[in-house]
Amino acid sequence: MKNKWLWIKNILVPVLLGGIIGIIVSQFMDYNSLEKPPLSPPGFLFGIVWTALYILMGVSYSILDINNVLDDKAKKIYYLQLIVNLIWPIIFFVLKWRLVSCIWIIVLVLLIIYMIVIFYKKNKISAYIQIPYLLWTIFATYLNIGIYLLNR
């Protein structure tokens, strides 16, 4: 029973926080009016993808939590990257600081890589589950830089 609540808590934290940020940022969304680089997906896809990625984040973290291999370093990097992730849409959409958001998302990519390395040392599956998140964030970095360059 305890494991069930750990799974629920660990999955709900990123999903709910991401949802709250999505609601806050939705009134400032200008994605459809921006010039976008090639391969840019339609705007509706982002909510679907991010929800799936937040679920995977929670699953990955839960595996470490349930196996009692979480330490302060793993917890700190997980929550740090999550906070950096949640602040990015505010910088990009609300503040419209496109150049700052480029730098911010590069920092996020580096934090995700570091998190994967730390998770890998504790549980390989937990680390592998984070790979779609890393790949999507690298793609989002390409989009962010492209949008910045095309809309200056």
N, C-alpha and C. Protein backbone atom coordinates (compact mmCIF):
# COMPACT_ATOMS: atom_id res chain seq x y z
N MET A 1 0.82 -1.20 0.00
CA MET A 1 0.00 0.00 0.00
C MET A 1 0.86 1.26 0.00
N LYS A 2 1.96 1.22 0.76
CA LYS A 2 2.86 2.37 0.82
C LYS A 2 3.43 2.67 -0.57
N ASN A 3 3.82 1.62 -1.29
CA ASN A 3 4.38 1.81 -2.63
C ASN A 3 3.38 2.46 -3.57
N LYS A 4 2.10 2.09 -3.45
CA LYS A 4 1.06 2.68 -4.29
C LYS A 4 1.01 4.19 -4.09
N TRP A 5 1.08 4.63 -2.85
CA TRP A 5 1.01 6.07 -2.57
C TRP A 5 2.28 6.79 -3.02
N LEU A 6 3.43 6.11 -2.95
CA LEU A 6 4.66 6.71 -3.48
C LEU A 6 4.55 6.93 -4.98
N TRP A 7 4.04 5.91 -5.69
CA TRP A 7 3.85 6.05 -7.14
C TRP A 7 2.93 7.23 -7.44
N ILE A 8 1.79 7.27 -6.77
CA ILE A 8 0.81 8.33 -7.02
C ILE A 8 1.42 9.70 -6.74
N LYS A 9 2.05 9.85 -5.59
CA LYS A 9 2.64 11.14 -5.21
C LYS A 9 3.72 11.55 -6.21
N ASN A 10 4.62 10.62 -6.52
CA ASN A 10 5.76 10.96 -7.36
C ASN A 10 5.36 11.25 -8.81
N ILE A 11 4.26 10.67 -9.26
CA ILE A 11 3.79 10.97 -10.61
C ILE A 11 2.96 12.25 -10.61
N LEU A 12 2.15 12.43 -9.58
CA LEU A 12 1.29 13.62 -9.54
C LEU A 12 2.07 14.92 -9.37
N VAL A 13 3.18 14.89 -8.65
CA VAL A 13 3.93 16.14 -8.42
C VAL A 13 4.31 16.81 -9.74
N PRO A 14 5.05 16.15 -10.63
CA PRO A 14 5.40 16.85 -11.88
C PRO A 14 4.19 17.11 -12.78
N VAL A 15 3.23 16.18 -12.82
CA VAL A 15 2.07 16.36 -13.68
C VAL A 15 1.24 17.57 -13.23
N LEU A 16 0.97 17.66 -11.93
CA LEU A 16 0.17 18.78 -11.43
C LEU A 16 0.91 20.11 -11.55
N LEU A 17 2.20 20.11 -11.22
CA LEU A 17 2.96 21.36 -11.34
C LEU A 17 3.03 21.81 -12.81
N GLY A 18 3.26 20.85 -13.70
CA GLY A 18 3.26 21.17 -15.13
C GLY A 18 1.91 21.69 -15.59
N GLY A 19 0.84 21.09 -15.10
CA GLY A 19 -0.50 21.54 -15.44
C GLY A 19 -0.79 22.95 -14.94
N ILE A 20 -0.37 23.24 -13.72
CA ILE A 20 -0.57 24.58 -13.16
C ILE A 20 0.17 25.61 -14.01
N ILE A 21 1.42 25.32 -14.34
CA ILE A 21 2.20 26.24 -15.17
C ILE A 21 1.53 26.39 -16.54
N GLY A 22 1.05 25.29 -17.09
CA GLY A 22 0.36 25.34 -18.38
C GLY A 22 -0.85 26.26 -18.34
N ILE A 23 -1.61 26.18 -17.27
CA ILE A 23 -2.79 27.04 -17.12
C ILE A 23 -2.38 28.50 -17.01
N ILE A 24 -1.36 28.76 -16.20
CA ILE A 24 -0.88 30.14 -16.01
C ILE A 24 -0.39 30.72 -17.34
N VAL A 25 0.38 29.93 -18.06
CA VAL A 25 1.04 30.40 -19.28
C VAL A 25 0.07 30.46 -20.47
N SER A 26 -1.01 29.70 -20.43
CA SER A 26 -1.90 29.58 -21.59
C SER A 26 -2.43 30.92 -22.09
N GLN A 27 -2.65 31.85 -21.20
CA GLN A 27 -3.18 33.16 -21.64
C GLN A 27 -2.13 34.02 -22.34
N PHE A 28 -0.86 33.60 -22.28
CA PHE A 28 0.22 34.35 -22.91
C PHE A 28 0.78 33.64 -24.15
N MET A 29 0.21 32.49 -24.49
CA MET A 29 0.72 31.68 -25.61
C MET A 29 0.65 32.45 -26.92
N ASP A 30 1.78 32.53 -27.59
CA ASP A 30 1.82 33.16 -28.91
C ASP A 30 2.51 32.25 -29.92
N TYR A 31 2.61 30.97 -29.61
CA TYR A 31 3.34 30.01 -30.44
C TYR A 31 2.83 30.02 -31.89
N ASN A 32 1.52 30.03 -32.08
CA ASN A 32 0.97 29.96 -33.43
C ASN A 32 1.24 31.21 -34.26
N SER A 33 1.52 32.33 -33.62
CA SER A 33 1.78 33.57 -34.36
C SER A 33 3.27 33.80 -34.64
N LEU A 34 4.12 32.92 -34.13
CA LEU A 34 5.57 33.08 -34.31
C LEU A 34 6.05 32.40 -35.59
N GLU A 35 7.10 32.97 -36.18
CA GLU A 35 7.82 32.28 -37.25
C GLU A 35 8.55 31.12 -36.59
N LYS A 36 8.43 29.93 -37.20
CA LYS A 36 9.01 28.73 -36.58
C LYS A 36 9.98 28.05 -37.55
N PRO A 37 10.98 27.37 -36.99
CA PRO A 37 11.93 26.64 -37.83
C PRO A 37 11.29 25.38 -38.41
N PRO A 38 11.93 24.77 -39.41
CA PRO A 38 11.41 23.52 -39.96
C PRO A 38 11.23 22.45 -38.87
N LEU A 39 10.28 21.57 -39.08
CA LEU A 39 9.96 20.46 -38.18
C LEU A 39 9.19 20.89 -36.93
N SER A 40 8.74 22.14 -36.88
CA SER A 40 7.98 22.60 -35.72
C SER A 40 6.63 21.90 -35.67
N PRO A 41 6.32 21.27 -34.56
CA PRO A 41 5.02 20.57 -34.44
C PRO A 41 3.89 21.56 -34.19
N PRO A 42 2.65 21.13 -34.41
CA PRO A 42 1.51 21.99 -34.08
C PRO A 42 1.45 22.23 -32.57
N GLY A 43 0.95 23.38 -32.19
CA GLY A 43 0.91 23.78 -30.79
C GLY A 43 0.21 22.80 -29.86
N PHE A 44 -0.87 22.16 -30.34
CA PHE A 44 -1.64 21.26 -29.47
C PHE A 44 -0.81 20.06 -29.00
N LEU A 45 0.23 19.72 -29.75
CA LEU A 45 1.04 18.55 -29.42
C LEU A 45 1.85 18.73 -28.13
N PHE A 46 2.20 19.95 -27.81
CA PHE A 46 3.07 20.19 -26.65
C PHE A 46 2.44 19.73 -25.34
N GLY A 47 1.18 20.02 -25.13
CA GLY A 47 0.52 19.58 -23.91
C GLY A 47 0.49 18.07 -23.76
N ILE A 48 0.26 17.39 -24.86
CA ILE A 48 0.23 15.93 -24.85
C ILE A 48 1.61 15.37 -24.51
N VAL A 49 2.61 15.87 -25.21
CA VAL A 49 3.98 15.38 -25.01
C VAL A 49 4.46 15.67 -23.60
N TRP A 50 4.25 16.91 -23.14
CA TRP A 50 4.74 17.25 -21.79
C TRP A 50 4.04 16.46 -20.70
N THR A 51 2.76 16.19 -20.87
CA THR A 51 2.06 15.36 -19.89
C THR A 51 2.69 13.97 -19.82
N ALA A 52 2.95 13.38 -20.99
CA ALA A 52 3.59 12.07 -21.02
C ALA A 52 4.98 12.12 -20.38
N LEU A 53 5.73 13.17 -20.67
CA LEU A 53 7.08 13.28 -20.11
C LEU A 53 7.05 13.48 -18.59
N TYR A 54 6.10 14.27 -18.11
CA TYR A 54 5.97 14.45 -16.65
C TYR A 54 5.61 13.13 -15.98
N ILE A 55 4.77 12.33 -16.62
CA ILE A 55 4.44 11.01 -16.07
C ILE A 55 5.70 10.15 -16.02
N LEU A 56 6.47 10.13 -17.10
CA LEU A 56 7.71 9.35 -17.12
C LEU A 56 8.70 9.84 -16.06
N MET A 57 8.78 11.15 -15.86
CA MET A 57 9.65 11.68 -14.79
C MET A 57 9.25 11.08 -13.45
N GLY A 58 7.95 11.10 -13.18
CA GLY A 58 7.45 10.57 -11.92
C GLY A 58 7.69 9.07 -11.78
N VAL A 59 7.54 8.34 -12.87
CA VAL A 59 7.80 6.89 -12.85
C VAL A 59 9.28 6.64 -12.54
N SER A 60 10.14 7.37 -13.22
CA SER A 60 11.58 7.22 -13.02
C SER A 60 11.97 7.49 -11.57
N TYR A 61 11.46 8.58 -11.04
CA TYR A 61 11.76 8.95 -9.66
C TYR A 61 11.17 7.92 -8.68
N SER A 62 9.99 7.41 -9.00
CA SER A 62 9.35 6.40 -8.14
C SER A 62 10.18 5.13 -8.05
N ILE A 63 10.77 4.72 -9.16
CA ILE A 63 11.60 3.51 -9.15
C ILE A 63 12.73 3.66 -8.14
N LEU A 64 13.35 4.83 -8.12
CA LEU A 64 14.43 5.07 -7.15
C LEU A 64 13.87 5.12 -5.73
N ASP A 65 12.74 5.77 -5.57
CA ASP A 65 12.14 5.94 -4.25
C ASP A 65 11.72 4.59 -3.67
N ILE A 66 11.06 3.78 -4.45
CA ILE A 66 10.56 2.48 -3.98
C ILE A 66 11.71 1.53 -3.66
N ASN A 67 12.80 1.65 -4.42
CA ASN A 67 13.96 0.80 -4.17
C ASN A 67 14.90 1.38 -3.11
N ASN A 68 14.48 2.45 -2.47
CA ASN A 68 15.24 3.08 -1.39
C ASN A 68 16.68 3.42 -1.78
N VAL A 69 16.85 3.94 -3.00
CA VAL A 69 18.19 4.33 -3.44
C VAL A 69 18.29 5.84 -3.66
N LEU A 70 17.26 6.56 -3.30
CA LEU A 70 17.31 8.02 -3.40
C LEU A 70 18.22 8.57 -2.31
N ASP A 71 19.09 9.46 -2.68
CA ASP A 71 19.88 10.18 -1.69
C ASP A 71 19.67 11.67 -1.94
N ASP A 72 20.28 12.51 -1.13
CA ASP A 72 20.09 13.95 -1.27
C ASP A 72 20.50 14.47 -2.64
N LYS A 73 21.57 13.93 -3.18
CA LYS A 73 22.06 14.38 -4.48
C LYS A 73 21.03 14.09 -5.57
N ALA A 74 20.48 12.89 -5.58
CA ALA A 74 19.47 12.52 -6.58
C ALA A 74 18.20 13.35 -6.41
N LYS A 75 17.78 13.55 -5.18
CA LYS A 75 16.58 14.37 -4.93
C LYS A 75 16.80 15.80 -5.39
N LYS A 76 17.96 16.37 -5.04
CA LYS A 76 18.23 17.76 -5.39
C LYS A 76 18.28 17.98 -6.90
N ILE A 77 18.96 17.10 -7.63
CA ILE A 77 19.04 17.28 -9.08
C ILE A 77 17.68 17.08 -9.73
N TYR A 78 16.90 16.14 -9.23
CA TYR A 78 15.56 15.90 -9.79
C TYR A 78 14.69 17.15 -9.61
N TYR A 79 14.64 17.66 -8.40
CA TYR A 79 13.78 18.82 -8.16
C TYR A 79 14.35 20.10 -8.77
N LEU A 80 15.65 20.21 -8.85
CA LEU A 80 16.25 21.39 -9.50
C LEU A 80 15.89 21.41 -10.98
N GLN A 81 16.06 20.28 -11.66
CA GLN A 81 15.73 20.26 -13.09
C GLN A 81 14.24 20.47 -13.30
N LEU A 82 13.41 19.97 -12.38
CA LEU A 82 11.96 20.17 -12.50
C LEU A 82 11.62 21.65 -12.36
N ILE A 83 12.23 22.31 -11.40
CA ILE A 83 11.98 23.75 -11.21
C ILE A 83 12.44 24.55 -12.43
N VAL A 84 13.64 24.23 -12.93
CA VAL A 84 14.15 24.91 -14.12
C VAL A 84 13.20 24.67 -15.30
N ASN A 85 12.72 23.45 -15.43
CA ASN A 85 11.76 23.10 -16.47
C ASN A 85 10.49 23.95 -16.35
N LEU A 86 9.97 24.07 -15.16
CA LEU A 86 8.70 24.78 -14.94
C LEU A 86 8.84 26.29 -15.12
N ILE A 87 10.02 26.82 -14.94
CA ILE A 87 10.24 28.26 -15.11
C ILE A 87 10.40 28.63 -16.59
N TRP A 88 10.89 27.69 -17.41
CA TRP A 88 11.14 28.00 -18.82
C TRP A 88 9.92 28.59 -19.53
N PRO A 89 8.70 28.00 -19.45
CA PRO A 89 7.58 28.59 -20.19
C PRO A 89 7.23 30.00 -19.72
N ILE A 90 7.51 30.30 -18.47
CA ILE A 90 7.27 31.66 -17.98
C ILE A 90 8.23 32.62 -18.68
N ILE A 91 9.48 32.23 -18.77
CA ILE A 91 10.48 33.08 -19.44
C ILE A 91 10.13 33.23 -20.93
N PHE A 92 9.78 32.13 -21.58
CA PHE A 92 9.54 32.14 -23.02
C PHE A 92 8.21 32.80 -23.39
N PHE A 93 7.12 32.40 -22.74
CA PHE A 93 5.80 32.87 -23.14
C PHE A 93 5.30 34.11 -22.40
N VAL A 94 5.51 34.14 -21.10
CA VAL A 94 4.98 35.27 -20.32
C VAL A 94 5.89 36.49 -20.46
N LEU A 95 7.16 36.31 -20.18
CA LEU A 95 8.09 37.43 -20.24
C LEU A 95 8.57 37.71 -21.66
N LYS A 96 8.49 36.71 -22.53
CA LYS A 96 8.92 36.82 -23.92
C LYS A 96 10.40 37.16 -24.04
N TRP A 97 11.17 36.65 -23.09
CA TRP A 97 12.62 36.82 -23.12
C TRP A 97 13.20 35.65 -23.91
N ARG A 98 13.12 35.73 -25.20
CA ARG A 98 13.48 34.60 -26.06
C ARG A 98 14.96 34.22 -25.96
N LEU A 99 15.84 35.20 -25.91
CA LEU A 99 17.27 34.87 -25.80
C LEU A 99 17.57 34.24 -24.44
N VAL A 100 17.01 34.79 -23.38
CA VAL A 100 17.20 34.22 -22.04
C VAL A 100 16.65 32.80 -22.00
N SER A 101 15.51 32.59 -22.65
CA SER A 101 14.93 31.24 -22.66
C SER A 101 15.84 30.25 -23.39
N CYS A 102 16.59 30.72 -24.40
CA CYS A 102 17.55 29.84 -25.09
C CYS A 102 18.63 29.37 -24.12
N ILE A 103 19.15 30.29 -23.36
CA ILE A 103 20.19 29.96 -22.37
C ILE A 103 19.60 29.06 -21.28
N TRP A 104 18.40 29.40 -20.84
CA TRP A 104 17.73 28.64 -19.77
C TRP A 104 17.50 27.19 -20.17
N ILE A 105 17.06 26.96 -21.41
CA ILE A 105 16.77 25.59 -21.83
C ILE A 105 18.06 24.79 -22.05
N ILE A 106 19.13 25.46 -22.42
CA ILE A 106 20.43 24.76 -22.51
C ILE A 106 20.87 24.31 -21.12
N VAL A 107 20.67 25.16 -20.13
CA VAL A 107 20.96 24.77 -18.75
C VAL A 107 20.09 23.57 -18.36
N LEU A 108 18.83 23.59 -18.76
CA LEU A 108 17.93 22.47 -18.46
C LEU A 108 18.46 21.18 -19.09
N VAL A 109 18.88 21.23 -20.33
CA VAL A 109 19.43 20.04 -20.99
C VAL A 109 20.61 19.49 -20.19
N LEU A 110 21.50 20.37 -19.76
CA LEU A 110 22.67 19.94 -18.98
C LEU A 110 22.25 19.31 -17.65
N LEU A 111 21.25 19.90 -17.00
CA LEU A 111 20.75 19.34 -15.75
C LEU A 111 20.12 17.96 -15.97
N ILE A 112 19.39 17.80 -17.06
CA ILE A 112 18.77 16.50 -17.36
C ILE A 112 19.86 15.44 -17.59
N ILE A 113 20.89 15.81 -18.33
CA ILE A 113 22.00 14.87 -18.56
C ILE A 113 22.62 14.47 -17.23
N TYR A 114 22.87 15.45 -16.38
CA TYR A 114 23.46 15.17 -15.07
C TYR A 114 22.53 14.27 -14.24
N MET A 115 21.23 14.55 -14.29
CA MET A 115 20.27 13.72 -13.56
C MET A 115 20.30 12.29 -14.07
N ILE A 116 20.34 12.12 -15.38
CA ILE A 116 20.37 10.77 -15.95
C ILE A 116 21.61 10.02 -15.49
N VAL A 117 22.75 10.71 -15.45
CA VAL A 117 23.99 10.07 -14.99
C VAL A 117 23.85 9.62 -13.53
N ILE A 118 23.31 10.49 -12.69
CA ILE A 118 23.12 10.14 -11.28
C ILE A 118 22.13 8.99 -11.13
N PHE A 119 21.02 9.05 -11.86
CA PHE A 119 20.02 7.99 -11.80
C PHE A 119 20.59 6.67 -12.30
N TYR A 120 21.40 6.72 -13.34
CA TYR A 120 21.99 5.51 -13.94
C TYR A 120 22.82 4.74 -12.91
N LYS A 121 23.52 5.46 -12.07
CA LYS A 121 24.35 4.82 -11.04
C LYS A 121 23.49 4.10 -9.99
N LYS A 122 22.22 4.48 -9.90
CA LYS A 122 21.34 3.91 -8.89
C LYS A 122 20.40 2.84 -9.47
N ASN A 123 19.94 3.09 -10.70
CA ASN A 123 19.02 2.15 -11.36
C ASN A 123 18.98 2.49 -12.84
N LYS A 124 19.46 1.59 -13.66
CA LYS A 124 19.57 1.85 -15.10
C LYS A 124 18.22 2.13 -15.74
N ILE A 125 17.20 1.38 -15.38
CA ILE A 125 15.87 1.59 -15.97
C ILE A 125 15.36 2.99 -15.65
N SER A 126 15.57 3.43 -14.42
CA SER A 126 15.15 4.78 -14.04
C SER A 126 15.83 5.83 -14.92
N ALA A 127 17.09 5.62 -15.23
CA ALA A 127 17.82 6.54 -16.10
C ALA A 127 17.28 6.48 -17.53
N TYR A 128 17.08 5.28 -18.05
CA TYR A 128 16.61 5.11 -19.43
C TYR A 128 15.23 5.76 -19.64
N ILE A 129 14.40 5.73 -18.61
CA ILE A 129 13.06 6.33 -18.70
C ILE A 129 13.15 7.84 -18.92
N GLN A 130 14.25 8.45 -18.53
CA GLN A 130 14.43 9.89 -18.70
C GLN A 130 14.91 10.28 -20.10
N ILE A 131 15.30 9.31 -20.91
CA ILE A 131 15.85 9.62 -22.24
C ILE A 131 14.84 10.33 -23.15
N PRO A 132 13.56 9.92 -23.20
CA PRO A 132 12.62 10.69 -24.03
C PRO A 132 12.53 12.16 -23.60
N TYR A 133 12.60 12.41 -22.31
CA TYR A 133 12.59 13.77 -21.78
C TYR A 133 13.80 14.54 -22.29
N LEU A 134 14.96 13.92 -22.24
CA LEU A 134 16.17 14.57 -22.74
C LEU A 134 16.05 14.86 -24.24
N LEU A 135 15.62 13.88 -25.01
CA LEU A 135 15.51 14.06 -26.46
C LEU A 135 14.50 15.16 -26.82
N TRP A 136 13.36 15.16 -26.14
CA TRP A 136 12.36 16.19 -26.42
C TRP A 136 12.89 17.57 -26.02
N THR A 137 13.62 17.65 -24.93
CA THR A 137 14.15 18.94 -24.48
C THR A 137 15.24 19.43 -25.44
N ILE A 138 16.02 18.52 -26.00
CA ILE A 138 16.99 18.91 -27.03
C ILE A 138 16.25 19.44 -28.26
N PHE A 139 15.18 18.76 -28.65
CA PHE A 139 14.36 19.24 -29.77
C PHE A 139 13.75 20.61 -29.44
N ALA A 140 13.26 20.77 -28.22
CA ALA A 140 12.69 22.05 -27.78
C ALA A 140 13.76 23.14 -27.80
N THR A 141 15.00 22.78 -27.52
CA THR A 141 16.11 23.75 -27.59
C THR A 141 16.28 24.23 -29.02
N TYR A 142 16.25 23.30 -29.96
CA TYR A 142 16.31 23.66 -31.39
C TYR A 142 15.17 24.61 -31.74
N LEU A 143 13.94 24.28 -31.31
CA LEU A 143 12.80 25.15 -31.59
C LEU A 143 12.97 26.52 -30.96
N ASN A 144 13.41 26.54 -29.72
CA ASN A 144 13.60 27.79 -28.99
C ASN A 144 14.60 28.69 -29.70
N ILE A 145 15.74 28.13 -30.07
CA ILE A 145 16.78 28.91 -30.76
C ILE A 145 16.26 29.37 -32.13
N GLY A 146 15.59 28.46 -32.84
CA GLY A 146 15.03 28.83 -34.14
C GLY A 146 14.01 29.94 -34.04
N ILE A 147 13.12 29.86 -33.08
CA ILE A 147 12.12 30.91 -32.89
C ILE A 147 12.78 32.22 -32.52
N TYR A 148 13.78 32.16 -31.67
CA TYR A 148 14.51 33.39 -31.31
C TYR A 148 15.10 34.04 -32.55
N LEU A 149 15.79 33.25 -33.37
CA LEU A 149 16.48 33.80 -34.54
C LEU A 149 15.50 34.30 -35.59
N LEU A 150 14.37 33.63 -35.76
CA LEU A 150 13.40 34.01 -36.78
C LEU A 150 12.49 35.16 -36.37
N ASN A 151 12.44 35.49 -35.09
CA ASN A 151 11.49 36.50 -34.60
C ASN A 151 12.16 37.69 -33.92
N ARG A 152 13.44 37.87 -34.18
CA ARG A 152 14.14 39.01 -33.55
C ARG A 152 13.66 40.32 -34.10
